[in-house]
Amino acid sequence: MDTLTQTVYEVVVGYARKGLNSQSYLTHNDDNTIFSVITVTANNTSFVSLLVRISNSAVIVEQDQNDKAFVDALLQAGVQREAIRLAYKGEPMPAAV
């Protein structure tokens, strides 16, 4: 895993945890370019609480439904803001992404 992918993975892992009335699970594809956290609630409903992909050295956050914004966690982990795109907020994507 390259450095950016490893950092994103380590940050995403922190979002896959037991909550007060839920449990969240980390999923990812084989080449570690897409990460998601699936949350299952106590009443057996489920949703994607976090969906992130890495493309052309950019971290693209497709969905983030967490109390602590994923972008803030990435910044704390040392990822430069210029390398992060918040697709769910309508930020423009780089042409090659």
Protein backbone atom coordinates (compact mmCIF):
# COMPACT_ATOMS: atom_id res chain seq x y z
CA MET A 1 0.00 0.00 0.00
CA ASP A 2 1.31 3.45 -0.83
CA THR A 3 1.50 6.12 1.88
CA LEU A 4 -1.75 7.91 0.96
CA THR A 5 -3.71 4.66 0.77
CA GLN A 6 -2.27 3.49 4.10
CA THR A 7 -3.18 6.78 5.76
CA VAL A 8 -6.73 6.74 4.38
CA TYR A 9 -7.12 3.11 5.47
CA GLU A 10 -5.95 3.89 9.01
CA VAL A 11 -8.35 6.83 9.28
CA VAL A 12 -11.32 4.86 7.89
CA VAL A 13 -10.69 2.03 10.36
CA GLY A 14 -11.41 4.50 13.16
CA TYR A 15 -14.95 4.94 11.85
CA ALA A 16 -15.75 1.21 11.94
CA ARG A 17 -16.71 0.74 15.57
CA LYS A 18 -19.48 -0.09 18.00
CA GLY A 19 -21.84 2.77 18.67
CA LEU A 20 -24.48 3.28 21.34
CA ASN A 21 -27.20 1.57 19.27
CA SER A 22 -25.26 0.41 16.24
CA GLN A 23 -22.26 -1.43 14.88
CA SER A 24 -20.21 -0.19 11.92
CA TYR A 25 -18.15 -2.39 9.62
CA LEU A 26 -15.29 -1.57 7.26
CA THR A 27 -15.42 -2.85 3.70
CA HIS A 28 -12.97 -2.26 0.85
CA ASN A 29 -12.20 -3.49 -2.63
CA ASP A 30 -9.23 -5.74 -3.45
CA ASP A 31 -6.91 -2.95 -4.57
CA ASN A 32 -7.75 -0.68 -1.61
CA THR A 33 -9.01 2.22 -3.70
CA ILE A 34 -12.57 2.18 -2.35
CA PHE A 35 -13.42 2.09 1.35
CA SER A 36 -16.83 2.14 2.98
CA VAL A 37 -18.23 1.92 6.46
CA ILE A 38 -21.60 0.21 6.71
CA THR A 39 -23.60 0.93 9.84
CA VAL A 40 -26.21 -1.50 11.15
CA THR A 41 -28.54 -0.12 13.81
CA ALA A 42 -30.10 -1.93 16.76
CA ASN A 43 -33.41 -2.13 14.89
CA ASN A 44 -31.68 -3.82 11.91
CA THR A 45 -31.63 -0.91 9.51
CA SER A 46 -28.40 -0.26 7.68
CA PHE A 47 -26.78 2.54 5.69
CA VAL A 48 -23.45 3.60 4.24
CA SER A 49 -22.09 6.08 6.76
CA LEU A 50 -18.82 6.67 4.89
CA LEU A 51 -17.77 6.11 1.28
CA VAL A 52 -14.29 7.11 0.15
CA ARG A 53 -12.26 6.39 -2.95
CA ILE A 54 -8.71 7.12 -3.99
CA SER A 55 -8.08 8.14 -7.58
CA ASN A 56 -5.03 9.81 -9.13
CA SER A 57 -3.57 10.74 -5.73
CA ALA A 58 -6.83 12.38 -4.64
CA VAL A 59 -9.05 11.27 -1.77
CA ILE A 60 -12.65 11.58 -2.91
CA VAL A 61 -15.21 11.53 -0.12
CA GLU A 62 -18.48 10.47 -1.73
CA GLN A 63 -20.52 10.24 1.47
CA ASP A 64 -19.92 11.14 5.12
CA GLN A 65 -22.68 10.84 7.70
CA ASN A 66 -20.53 10.92 10.81
CA ASP A 67 -20.43 13.28 13.77
CA LYS A 68 -16.71 13.84 13.27
CA ALA A 69 -16.22 14.89 9.66
CA PHE A 70 -13.92 12.51 7.80
CA VAL A 71 -12.12 15.44 6.16
CA ASP A 72 -11.08 16.68 9.62
CA ALA A 73 -9.68 13.26 10.51
CA LEU A 74 -7.74 13.17 7.22
CA LEU A 75 -6.28 16.60 7.89
CA GLN A 76 -5.26 15.52 11.40
CA ALA A 77 -3.54 12.49 9.84
CA GLY A 78 -1.48 14.77 7.59
CA VAL A 79 -3.36 14.58 4.28
CA GLN A 80 -3.17 17.93 2.50
CA ARG A 81 -6.54 19.63 1.92
CA GLU A 82 -5.66 20.07 -1.78
CA ALA A 83 -5.66 16.26 -2.09
CA ILE A 84 -9.18 15.90 -0.66
CA ARG A 85 -12.39 16.34 -2.66
CA LEU A 86 -15.76 16.40 -0.91
CA ALA A 87 -18.01 15.07 -3.66
CA TYR A 88 -21.00 14.98 -1.31
CA LYS A 89 -20.66 18.78 -0.94
CA GLY A 90 -20.40 19.33 -4.67
CA GLU A 91 -16.68 20.15 -4.80
CA PRO A 92 -15.37 19.94 -8.35
CA MET A 93 -13.46 16.81 -9.24
CA PRO A 94 -10.12 16.96 -11.03
CA ALA A 95 -10.52 16.31 -14.76
CA ALA A 96 -8.71 12.94 -14.62
CA VAL A 97 -10.68 11.61 -11.62
